[in-house]
């Protein structure tokens, strides 16, 4: 047997094995961007309670899905519900269609049907706000948006484009196109 026949046999065997391998793997799904391999972890139907320095609840998050990106360490949340306790332990509810959390957790972006509702207790007047998107900065106790916001309380409805909230001193202001309607109590 000469060396050309041996090399030809080896090449023929390699070609047959390569063809067989390709045919065997043709029905396997190929990984795509956004596949589970690009995620550190995924949570389904979960609740997370974050505590402050004194060990008291600072925020509770409930959602059907959270995905943490391996590449930039950000998180995407489907239909998040944030429960934010006030001084008396009653919870404000903050909801949206989608949520995004920065890698350091210092910024939260809520998008799609953002709503905030006051605790449903007699000591707190029923207050709601609605907007399309909201940026929240939890370490600074601030939130803002450049979208239309509608805020309602008993006897009052306010709306405007652009909104800033400071939860530490309980102040808010609209930035432009402000409309207020007062309805006297009967």
N, C-alpha and C. Protein backbone atom coordinates (compact mmCIF):
# COMPACT_ATOMS: atom_id res chain seq x y z
N UNK A 1 0.85 -1.16 0.00
CA UNK A 1 0.00 0.00 0.00
C UNK A 1 0.90 1.23 0.00
N UNK A 2 0.61 2.15 -0.91
CA UNK A 2 1.43 3.35 -0.93
C UNK A 2 0.80 4.43 -0.05
N UNK A 3 1.57 5.49 0.18
CA UNK A 3 1.13 6.53 1.11
C UNK A 3 -0.03 7.34 0.56
N UNK A 4 -0.22 7.42 -0.76
CA UNK A 4 -1.35 8.14 -1.35
C UNK A 4 -2.65 7.42 -1.07
N UNK A 5 -2.65 6.14 -1.10
CA UNK A 5 -3.86 5.37 -0.80
C UNK A 5 -4.24 5.53 0.67
N UNK A 6 -3.25 5.52 1.56
CA UNK A 6 -3.51 5.67 3.00
C UNK A 6 -4.11 7.05 3.29
N UNK A 7 -3.53 8.11 2.71
CA UNK A 7 -4.06 9.47 2.92
C UNK A 7 -5.45 9.58 2.32
N UNK A 8 -5.66 9.00 1.17
CA UNK A 8 -6.98 9.02 0.54
C UNK A 8 -8.01 8.32 1.42
N UNK A 9 -7.65 7.19 2.03
CA UNK A 9 -8.57 6.47 2.93
C UNK A 9 -8.90 7.28 4.17
N UNK A 10 -7.89 7.93 4.73
CA UNK A 10 -8.11 8.78 5.92
C UNK A 10 -9.02 9.95 5.55
N UNK A 11 -8.77 10.58 4.42
CA UNK A 11 -9.62 11.71 3.99
C UNK A 11 -11.05 11.26 3.71
N UNK A 12 -11.22 10.08 3.10
CA UNK A 12 -12.55 9.54 2.85
C UNK A 12 -13.28 9.28 4.15
N UNK A 13 -12.61 8.69 5.14
CA UNK A 13 -13.22 8.42 6.44
C UNK A 13 -13.60 9.72 7.14
N UNK A 14 -12.72 10.73 7.06
CA UNK A 14 -13.02 12.02 7.67
C UNK A 14 -14.23 12.67 7.01
N UNK A 15 -14.33 12.59 5.71
CA UNK A 15 -15.47 13.16 4.99
C UNK A 15 -16.76 12.46 5.37
N UNK A 16 -16.74 11.13 5.48
CA UNK A 16 -17.94 10.37 5.86
C UNK A 16 -18.35 10.75 7.28
N UNK A 17 -17.41 10.83 8.23
CA UNK A 17 -17.74 11.19 9.62
C UNK A 17 -18.27 12.62 9.70
N UNK A 18 -17.69 13.54 8.94
CA UNK A 18 -18.17 14.92 8.94
C UNK A 18 -19.59 15.01 8.40
N UNK A 19 -19.87 14.33 7.32
CA UNK A 19 -21.22 14.32 6.75
C UNK A 19 -22.23 13.72 7.70
N UNK A 20 -21.84 12.61 8.34
CA UNK A 20 -22.74 11.96 9.31
C UNK A 20 -23.01 12.88 10.49
N UNK A 21 -21.98 13.58 10.99
CA UNK A 21 -22.13 14.50 12.11
C UNK A 21 -23.06 15.66 11.75
N UNK A 22 -22.90 16.21 10.55
CA UNK A 22 -23.77 17.31 10.12
C UNK A 22 -25.22 16.86 10.00
N UNK A 23 -25.44 15.68 9.44
CA UNK A 23 -26.80 15.18 9.30
C UNK A 23 -27.43 14.91 10.66
N UNK A 24 -26.66 14.41 11.61
CA UNK A 24 -27.18 14.10 12.94
C UNK A 24 -27.58 15.37 13.68
N UNK A 25 -26.85 16.47 13.52
CA UNK A 25 -27.10 17.70 14.26
C UNK A 25 -28.01 18.69 13.54
N UNK A 26 -28.53 18.35 12.38
CA UNK A 26 -29.28 19.33 11.60
C UNK A 26 -30.59 19.75 12.25
N UNK A 27 -31.21 18.93 13.10
CA UNK A 27 -32.49 19.29 13.72
C UNK A 27 -32.34 19.92 15.10
N UNK A 28 -31.13 20.06 15.61
CA UNK A 28 -30.93 20.69 16.91
C UNK A 28 -31.04 22.20 16.75
N UNK A 29 -31.75 22.87 17.68
CA UNK A 29 -31.84 24.33 17.59
C UNK A 29 -30.48 24.96 17.84
N UNK A 30 -30.17 25.99 17.08
CA UNK A 30 -28.91 26.70 17.23
C UNK A 30 -29.09 27.81 18.26
N UNK A 31 -28.07 28.06 19.10
CA UNK A 31 -28.19 29.15 20.07
C UNK A 31 -28.30 30.49 19.35
N UNK A 32 -29.15 31.36 19.91
CA UNK A 32 -29.35 32.69 19.35
C UNK A 32 -29.10 33.72 20.44
N UNK A 33 -28.94 34.97 20.02
CA UNK A 33 -28.77 36.04 21.00
C UNK A 33 -30.00 36.09 21.88
N UNK A 34 -29.81 36.25 23.17
CA UNK A 34 -30.92 36.26 24.10
C UNK A 34 -31.27 34.88 24.60
N UNK A 35 -30.54 33.87 24.15
CA UNK A 35 -30.77 32.50 24.59
C UNK A 35 -30.36 32.41 26.06
N UNK A 36 -30.76 31.32 26.74
CA UNK A 36 -30.45 31.14 28.15
C UNK A 36 -28.96 31.18 28.44
N UNK A 37 -28.11 30.88 27.46
CA UNK A 37 -26.67 30.92 27.68
C UNK A 37 -26.18 32.34 27.95
N UNK A 38 -26.95 33.36 27.55
CA UNK A 38 -26.55 34.74 27.78
C UNK A 38 -27.07 35.28 29.11
N UNK A 39 -27.72 34.43 29.90
CA UNK A 39 -28.30 34.86 31.17
C UNK A 39 -27.59 34.18 32.34
N UNK A 40 -27.34 34.97 33.39
CA UNK A 40 -26.78 34.41 34.62
C UNK A 40 -27.82 33.53 35.31
N UNK A 41 -29.03 34.09 35.43
CA UNK A 41 -30.11 33.33 36.05
C UNK A 41 -31.45 33.86 35.58
N UNK A 42 -32.46 33.02 35.76
CA UNK A 42 -33.83 33.35 35.40
C UNK A 42 -34.71 32.95 36.58
N UNK A 43 -35.60 33.85 37.00
CA UNK A 43 -36.54 33.54 38.07
C UNK A 43 -37.95 33.54 37.50
N UNK A 44 -38.75 32.57 37.92
CA UNK A 44 -40.14 32.49 37.50
C UNK A 44 -41.04 32.58 38.73
N UNK A 45 -42.13 33.35 38.62
CA UNK A 45 -43.13 33.48 39.68
C UNK A 45 -42.46 33.62 41.04
N UNK A 46 -41.85 34.75 41.29
CA UNK A 46 -41.04 34.93 42.48
C UNK A 46 -41.46 36.15 43.27
N UNK A 47 -40.94 36.22 44.49
CA UNK A 47 -41.08 37.39 45.35
C UNK A 47 -39.74 37.62 46.03
N UNK A 48 -39.26 38.86 45.98
CA UNK A 48 -38.01 39.24 46.64
C UNK A 48 -38.32 40.38 47.60
N UNK A 49 -37.88 40.24 48.85
CA UNK A 49 -38.05 41.29 49.84
C UNK A 49 -36.67 41.85 50.17
N UNK A 50 -36.46 43.13 49.85
CA UNK A 50 -35.19 43.79 50.14
C UNK A 50 -35.30 44.50 51.48
N UNK A 51 -34.24 44.39 52.28
CA UNK A 51 -34.23 45.01 53.61
C UNK A 51 -33.29 46.20 53.62
N UNK A 52 -33.59 47.17 54.48
CA UNK A 52 -32.70 48.32 54.63
C UNK A 52 -31.61 48.01 55.66
N UNK A 53 -30.81 49.01 56.04
CA UNK A 53 -29.70 48.81 56.97
C UNK A 53 -30.16 48.36 58.35
N UNK A 54 -31.40 48.73 58.73
CA UNK A 54 -31.92 48.34 60.03
C UNK A 54 -32.64 46.99 60.01
N UNK A 55 -32.67 46.35 58.84
CA UNK A 55 -33.32 45.05 58.73
C UNK A 55 -34.82 45.13 58.50
N UNK A 56 -35.32 46.32 58.16
CA UNK A 56 -36.74 46.49 57.87
C UNK A 56 -36.95 46.42 56.37
N UNK A 57 -38.16 46.02 55.97
CA UNK A 57 -38.50 45.93 54.55
C UNK A 57 -38.36 47.30 53.89
N UNK A 58 -37.60 47.35 52.80
CA UNK A 58 -37.51 48.60 52.04
C UNK A 58 -38.31 48.50 50.74
N UNK A 59 -38.32 47.32 50.11
CA UNK A 59 -39.05 47.09 48.86
C UNK A 59 -39.35 45.60 48.73
N UNK A 60 -40.52 45.31 48.20
CA UNK A 60 -40.85 43.93 47.83
C UNK A 60 -41.15 43.93 46.33
N UNK A 61 -40.61 42.96 45.64
CA UNK A 61 -40.83 42.82 44.20
C UNK A 61 -41.48 41.47 43.94
N UNK A 62 -42.57 41.49 43.19
CA UNK A 62 -43.23 40.27 42.72
C UNK A 62 -43.35 40.35 41.21
N UNK A 63 -43.07 39.24 40.53
CA UNK A 63 -43.20 39.22 39.07
C UNK A 63 -43.20 37.78 38.57
N UNK A 64 -43.73 37.58 37.37
CA UNK A 64 -43.71 36.24 36.79
C UNK A 64 -42.36 35.85 36.18
N UNK A 65 -41.51 36.85 35.83
CA UNK A 65 -40.25 36.53 35.16
C UNK A 65 -39.21 37.62 35.38
N UNK A 66 -38.00 37.20 35.74
CA UNK A 66 -36.85 38.08 35.83
C UNK A 66 -35.68 37.37 35.17
N UNK A 67 -34.95 38.10 34.30
CA UNK A 67 -33.79 37.54 33.62
C UNK A 67 -32.61 38.49 33.83
N UNK A 68 -31.49 37.95 34.30
CA UNK A 68 -30.28 38.74 34.51
C UNK A 68 -29.30 38.46 33.39
N UNK A 69 -28.86 39.50 32.71
CA UNK A 69 -27.95 39.37 31.59
C UNK A 69 -26.53 39.10 32.08
N UNK A 70 -25.91 38.08 31.51
CA UNK A 70 -24.53 37.75 31.85
C UNK A 70 -23.57 38.85 31.35
N UNK A 71 -23.86 39.43 30.20
CA UNK A 71 -22.95 40.39 29.57
C UNK A 71 -22.82 41.70 30.36
N UNK A 72 -23.94 42.32 30.73
CA UNK A 72 -23.86 43.62 31.39
C UNK A 72 -24.46 43.64 32.79
N UNK A 73 -24.90 42.49 33.29
CA UNK A 73 -25.42 42.33 34.65
C UNK A 73 -26.69 43.13 34.93
N UNK A 74 -27.41 43.54 33.88
CA UNK A 74 -28.69 44.21 34.06
C UNK A 74 -29.78 43.15 34.16
N UNK A 75 -30.94 43.57 34.65
CA UNK A 75 -32.07 42.65 34.79
C UNK A 75 -33.27 43.19 34.03
N UNK A 76 -34.00 42.29 33.42
CA UNK A 76 -35.25 42.61 32.75
C UNK A 76 -36.36 41.87 33.50
N UNK A 77 -37.45 42.58 33.79
CA UNK A 77 -38.54 42.02 34.59
C UNK A 77 -39.84 42.16 33.82
N UNK A 78 -40.61 41.08 33.75
CA UNK A 78 -41.93 41.12 33.10
C UNK A 78 -42.98 41.46 34.15
N UNK A 79 -43.86 42.39 33.83
CA UNK A 79 -44.97 42.86 34.67
C UNK A 79 -44.63 42.93 36.16
N UNK A 80 -43.64 43.76 36.51
CA UNK A 80 -43.26 43.85 37.92
C UNK A 80 -44.31 44.54 38.77
N UNK A 81 -44.41 44.11 40.02
CA UNK A 81 -45.21 44.77 41.05
C UNK A 81 -44.26 45.07 42.20
N UNK A 82 -44.03 46.35 42.47
CA UNK A 82 -43.20 46.78 43.58
C UNK A 82 -44.12 47.22 44.71
N UNK A 83 -43.87 46.72 45.90
CA UNK A 83 -44.60 47.13 47.09
C UNK A 83 -43.63 47.96 47.93
N UNK A 84 -43.97 49.23 48.13
CA UNK A 84 -43.09 50.16 48.82
C UNK A 84 -43.74 50.57 50.14
N UNK A 85 -43.19 50.13 51.27
CA UNK A 85 -43.83 50.45 52.55
C UNK A 85 -43.64 51.91 52.95
N UNK A 86 -44.68 52.49 53.57
CA UNK A 86 -44.54 53.82 54.13
C UNK A 86 -44.12 53.69 55.60
N UNK A 87 -44.10 54.79 56.33
CA UNK A 87 -43.66 54.76 57.74
C UNK A 87 -44.51 53.84 58.61
N UNK A 88 -45.80 53.71 58.26
CA UNK A 88 -46.71 52.91 59.07
C UNK A 88 -46.77 51.45 58.62
N UNK A 89 -45.98 51.07 57.62
CA UNK A 89 -45.96 49.69 57.16
C UNK A 89 -47.00 49.38 56.10
N UNK A 90 -47.74 50.41 55.64
CA UNK A 90 -48.70 50.22 54.55
C UNK A 90 -47.95 50.32 53.23
N UNK A 91 -48.42 49.62 52.22
CA UNK A 91 -47.67 49.51 50.97
C UNK A 91 -48.27 50.31 49.83
N UNK A 92 -47.43 51.15 49.21
CA UNK A 92 -47.73 51.75 47.92
C UNK A 92 -47.45 50.68 46.87
N UNK A 93 -48.27 50.63 45.81
CA UNK A 93 -48.08 49.66 44.74
C UNK A 93 -47.62 50.39 43.48
N UNK A 94 -46.55 49.89 42.88
CA UNK A 94 -46.00 50.45 41.65
C UNK A 94 -45.91 49.32 40.64
N UNK A 95 -46.63 49.46 39.50
CA UNK A 95 -46.70 48.41 38.49
C UNK A 95 -46.33 48.95 37.11
N UNK A 96 -45.95 48.02 36.22
CA UNK A 96 -45.73 48.37 34.82
C UNK A 96 -45.72 47.09 34.00
N UNK A 97 -45.72 47.26 32.67
CA UNK A 97 -45.63 46.10 31.78
C UNK A 97 -44.25 45.48 31.81
N UNK A 98 -43.22 46.35 31.85
CA UNK A 98 -41.82 45.88 31.83
C UNK A 98 -41.00 46.68 32.82
N UNK A 99 -39.94 46.06 33.29
CA UNK A 99 -38.99 46.74 34.15
C UNK A 99 -37.58 46.40 33.74
N UNK A 100 -36.66 47.34 33.98
CA UNK A 100 -35.24 47.13 33.73
C UNK A 100 -34.49 47.68 34.92
N UNK A 101 -33.51 46.92 35.43
CA UNK A 101 -32.72 47.34 36.58
C UNK A 101 -31.26 47.40 36.17
N UNK A 102 -30.58 48.50 36.51
CA UNK A 102 -29.17 48.65 36.17
C UNK A 102 -28.33 47.64 36.94
N UNK A 103 -27.09 47.45 36.50
CA UNK A 103 -26.20 46.46 37.11
C UNK A 103 -25.96 46.75 38.59
N UNK A 104 -25.85 48.02 38.95
CA UNK A 104 -25.61 48.39 40.35
C UNK A 104 -26.90 48.51 41.16
N UNK A 105 -28.04 48.42 40.49
CA UNK A 105 -29.32 48.55 41.19
C UNK A 105 -29.65 49.97 41.56
N UNK A 106 -28.95 50.95 40.97
CA UNK A 106 -29.20 52.34 41.32
C UNK A 106 -30.18 53.04 40.38
N UNK A 107 -30.64 52.32 39.35
CA UNK A 107 -31.64 52.88 38.44
C UNK A 107 -32.60 51.79 38.01
N UNK A 108 -33.87 52.15 37.97
CA UNK A 108 -34.94 51.26 37.55
C UNK A 108 -35.75 51.99 36.50
N UNK A 109 -35.97 51.34 35.36
CA UNK A 109 -36.80 51.93 34.30
C UNK A 109 -38.07 51.09 34.19
N UNK A 110 -39.20 51.73 34.37
CA UNK A 110 -40.49 51.08 34.21
C UNK A 110 -41.11 51.60 32.92
N UNK A 111 -41.61 50.69 32.09
CA UNK A 111 -42.20 51.09 30.82
C UNK A 111 -43.52 50.38 30.59
N UNK A 112 -44.44 51.07 29.96
CA UNK A 112 -45.74 50.51 29.59
C UNK A 112 -46.72 50.47 30.73
N UNK A 113 -47.74 51.28 30.66
CA UNK A 113 -48.83 51.28 31.65
C UNK A 113 -48.32 51.37 33.08
N UNK A 114 -47.48 52.34 33.35
CA UNK A 114 -46.94 52.52 34.70
C UNK A 114 -48.04 53.09 35.58
N UNK A 115 -48.25 52.46 36.73
CA UNK A 115 -49.26 52.94 37.65
C UNK A 115 -48.75 52.87 39.08
N UNK A 116 -49.12 53.86 39.85
CA UNK A 116 -48.80 53.89 41.27
C UNK A 116 -50.08 54.13 42.04
N UNK A 117 -50.27 53.34 43.11
CA UNK A 117 -51.48 53.45 43.91
C UNK A 117 -51.12 53.49 45.39
N UNK A 118 -51.77 54.38 46.11
CA UNK A 118 -51.53 54.51 47.54
C UNK A 118 -52.07 53.30 48.29
N UNK A 119 -51.64 53.12 49.55
CA UNK A 119 -52.19 52.02 50.36
C UNK A 119 -53.70 52.18 50.52
N UNK A 120 -54.37 51.08 50.57
CA UNK A 120 -55.83 51.09 50.70
C UNK A 120 -56.21 50.98 52.17
N UNK A 121 -55.90 52.06 52.89
CA UNK A 121 -56.21 52.14 54.32
C UNK A 121 -56.89 53.48 54.58
N UNK A 122 -57.74 53.57 55.60
CA UNK A 122 -58.48 54.82 55.85
C UNK A 122 -57.59 56.03 56.14
N UNK A 123 -56.40 55.82 56.69
CA UNK A 123 -55.54 56.94 57.07
C UNK A 123 -54.83 57.60 55.88
N UNK A 124 -54.88 56.98 54.70
CA UNK A 124 -54.20 57.54 53.52
C UNK A 124 -55.24 57.85 52.45
N UNK A 125 -55.31 59.13 51.99
CA UNK A 125 -56.28 59.44 50.93
C UNK A 125 -55.94 58.64 49.66
N UNK A 126 -56.94 58.06 49.01
CA UNK A 126 -56.67 57.27 47.80
C UNK A 126 -56.03 58.14 46.72
N UNK A 127 -54.80 57.78 46.38
CA UNK A 127 -54.03 58.56 45.42
C UNK A 127 -53.50 57.61 44.34
N UNK A 128 -53.59 58.05 43.08
CA UNK A 128 -53.07 57.24 41.98
C UNK A 128 -52.31 58.13 41.02
N UNK A 129 -51.36 57.54 40.31
CA UNK A 129 -50.76 58.24 39.18
C UNK A 129 -50.58 57.24 38.05
N UNK A 130 -50.66 57.76 36.83
CA UNK A 130 -50.53 56.93 35.63
C UNK A 130 -49.62 57.64 34.65
N UNK A 131 -48.75 56.86 33.98
CA UNK A 131 -47.87 57.39 32.95
C UNK A 131 -47.41 56.25 32.05
N UNK A 132 -46.66 56.58 31.02
CA UNK A 132 -46.18 55.58 30.07
C UNK A 132 -44.84 54.98 30.50
N UNK A 133 -43.96 55.82 31.09
CA UNK A 133 -42.67 55.32 31.56
C UNK A 133 -42.19 56.17 32.72
N UNK A 134 -41.35 55.54 33.56
CA UNK A 134 -40.87 56.21 34.76
C UNK A 134 -39.47 55.70 35.08
N UNK A 135 -38.55 56.62 35.37
CA UNK A 135 -37.21 56.27 35.82
C UNK A 135 -37.16 56.46 37.32
N UNK A 136 -36.71 55.44 38.04
CA UNK A 136 -36.67 55.48 39.50
C UNK A 136 -35.21 55.36 39.94
N UNK A 137 -34.81 56.21 40.87
CA UNK A 137 -33.46 56.20 41.43
C UNK A 137 -33.59 55.95 42.93
N UNK A 138 -33.62 54.67 43.34
CA UNK A 138 -33.94 54.33 44.73
C UNK A 138 -32.96 54.90 45.76
N UNK A 139 -31.67 54.96 45.44
CA UNK A 139 -30.69 55.48 46.40
C UNK A 139 -30.87 56.96 46.67
N UNK A 140 -31.46 57.66 45.71
CA UNK A 140 -31.69 59.10 45.84
C UNK A 140 -33.12 59.42 46.24
N UNK A 141 -33.98 58.41 46.37
CA UNK A 141 -35.40 58.58 46.68
C UNK A 141 -36.09 59.50 45.68
N UNK A 142 -35.73 59.32 44.39
CA UNK A 142 -36.30 60.16 43.35
C UNK A 142 -36.84 59.32 42.20
N UNK A 143 -37.80 59.91 41.48
CA UNK A 143 -38.35 59.30 40.27
C UNK A 143 -38.69 60.43 39.32
N UNK A 144 -38.61 60.14 38.01
CA UNK A 144 -38.93 61.18 37.03
C UNK A 144 -39.35 60.56 35.71
N UNK A 145 -40.04 61.36 34.92
CA UNK A 145 -40.43 60.98 33.57
C UNK A 145 -40.59 62.24 32.73
N UNK A 146 -40.45 62.08 31.41
CA UNK A 146 -40.72 63.20 30.51
C UNK A 146 -42.06 63.00 29.80
N UNK A 147 -42.81 61.98 30.21
CA UNK A 147 -44.09 61.64 29.59
C UNK A 147 -45.25 62.35 30.31
N UNK A 148 -46.42 62.21 29.74
CA UNK A 148 -47.65 62.71 30.37
C UNK A 148 -47.93 61.91 31.63
N UNK A 149 -48.26 62.59 32.71
CA UNK A 149 -48.60 61.96 33.99
C UNK A 149 -49.94 62.50 34.45
N UNK A 150 -50.80 61.60 34.94
CA UNK A 150 -52.07 62.01 35.53
C UNK A 150 -52.09 61.53 36.97
N UNK A 151 -52.33 62.46 37.89
CA UNK A 151 -52.36 62.17 39.32
C UNK A 151 -53.75 62.51 39.84
N UNK A 152 -54.35 61.59 40.59
CA UNK A 152 -55.68 61.85 41.15
C UNK A 152 -55.68 61.60 42.65
N UNK A 153 -56.43 62.45 43.34
CA UNK A 153 -56.70 62.33 44.78
C UNK A 153 -58.15 62.76 44.98
N UNK A 154 -58.73 62.46 46.09
CA UNK A 154 -60.11 62.92 46.30
C UNK A 154 -60.21 64.44 46.15
N UNK A 155 -61.07 64.88 45.24
CA UNK A 155 -61.30 66.29 45.00
C UNK A 155 -60.31 66.95 44.06
N UNK A 156 -59.34 66.20 43.53
CA UNK A 156 -58.32 66.83 42.69
C UNK A 156 -57.81 65.87 41.62
N UNK A 157 -57.63 66.41 40.41
CA UNK A 157 -56.96 65.70 39.33
C UNK A 157 -55.94 66.65 38.74
N UNK A 158 -54.70 66.19 38.60
CA UNK A 158 -53.64 66.99 38.01
C UNK A 158 -52.99 66.17 36.90
N UNK A 159 -52.56 66.90 35.86
CA UNK A 159 -51.82 66.23 34.79
C UNK A 159 -50.79 67.20 34.25
N UNK A 160 -49.77 66.65 33.63
CA UNK A 160 -48.74 67.47 33.03
C UNK A 160 -47.74 66.59 32.30
N UNK A 161 -46.93 67.24 31.49
CA UNK A 161 -45.89 66.52 30.76
C UNK A 161 -44.58 66.74 31.51
N UNK A 162 -43.96 65.67 31.91
CA UNK A 162 -42.77 65.73 32.74
C UNK A 162 -43.17 65.77 34.20
N UNK A 163 -42.47 64.99 35.01
CA UNK A 163 -42.86 64.83 36.40
C UNK A 163 -41.62 64.44 37.19
N UNK A 164 -41.45 65.04 38.36
CA UNK A 164 -40.37 64.67 39.26
C UNK A 164 -40.93 64.47 40.65
N UNK A 165 -40.45 63.43 41.30
CA UNK A 165 -40.91 63.06 42.63
C UNK A 165 -39.71 62.88 43.54
N UNK A 166 -39.80 63.42 44.75
CA UNK A 166 -38.79 63.19 45.78
C UNK A 166 -39.53 62.55 46.95
N UNK A 167 -39.30 61.26 47.15
CA UNK A 167 -40.06 60.56 48.18
C UNK A 167 -39.53 60.83 49.58
N UNK A 168 -38.31 61.33 49.71
CA UNK A 168 -37.79 61.60 51.06
C UNK A 168 -38.47 62.82 51.68
N UNK A 169 -38.76 63.84 50.88
CA UNK A 169 -39.48 65.00 51.45
C UNK A 169 -40.93 65.08 50.96
N UNK A 170 -41.38 64.01 50.28
CA UNK A 170 -42.78 63.88 49.84
C UNK A 170 -43.23 65.07 48.98
N UNK A 171 -42.39 65.47 48.02
CA UNK A 171 -42.76 66.54 47.11
C UNK A 171 -42.74 66.03 45.68
N UNK A 172 -43.54 66.66 44.85
CA UNK A 172 -43.53 66.35 43.43
C UNK A 172 -43.85 67.63 42.68
N UNK A 173 -43.44 67.66 41.42
CA UNK A 173 -43.85 68.77 40.58
C UNK A 173 -43.89 68.33 39.13
N UNK A 174 -44.81 68.96 38.41
CA UNK A 174 -44.95 68.75 36.98
C UNK A 174 -44.05 69.77 36.27
N UNK A 175 -43.54 69.40 35.10
CA UNK A 175 -42.58 70.26 34.41
C UNK A 175 -43.21 71.17 33.36
N UNK A 176 -44.29 70.72 32.70
CA UNK A 176 -44.91 71.58 31.68
C UNK A 176 -46.34 71.12 31.41
N UNK A 177 -47.08 71.98 30.73
CA UNK A 177 -48.45 71.70 30.30
C UNK A 177 -49.32 71.20 31.46
N UNK A 178 -49.20 71.86 32.59
CA UNK A 178 -49.89 71.44 33.81
C UNK A 178 -51.36 71.85 33.77
N UNK A 179 -52.21 70.91 34.11
CA UNK A 179 -53.64 71.16 34.24
C UNK A 179 -54.08 70.61 35.59
N UNK A 180 -54.87 71.39 36.31
CA UNK A 180 -55.40 70.95 37.60
C UNK A 180 -56.90 71.16 37.62
N UNK A 181 -57.60 70.23 38.20
CA UNK A 181 -59.04 70.36 38.35
C UNK A 181 -59.40 69.98 39.79
N UNK A 182 -60.02 70.95 40.47
CA UNK A 182 -60.45 70.73 41.84
C UNK A 182 -61.95 70.52 41.87
N UNK A 183 -62.37 69.51 42.54
CA UNK A 183 -63.79 69.21 42.68
C UNK A 183 -64.12 69.30 44.16
N UNK A 184 -64.99 70.25 44.56
CA UNK A 184 -65.29 70.37 45.98
C UNK A 184 -65.99 69.11 46.51
N UNK A 185 -65.63 68.78 47.73
CA UNK A 185 -66.28 67.62 48.37
C UNK A 185 -67.70 67.98 48.76
N UNK A 186 -68.56 67.00 48.67
CA UNK A 186 -69.96 67.27 48.99
C UNK A 186 -70.33 66.72 50.33
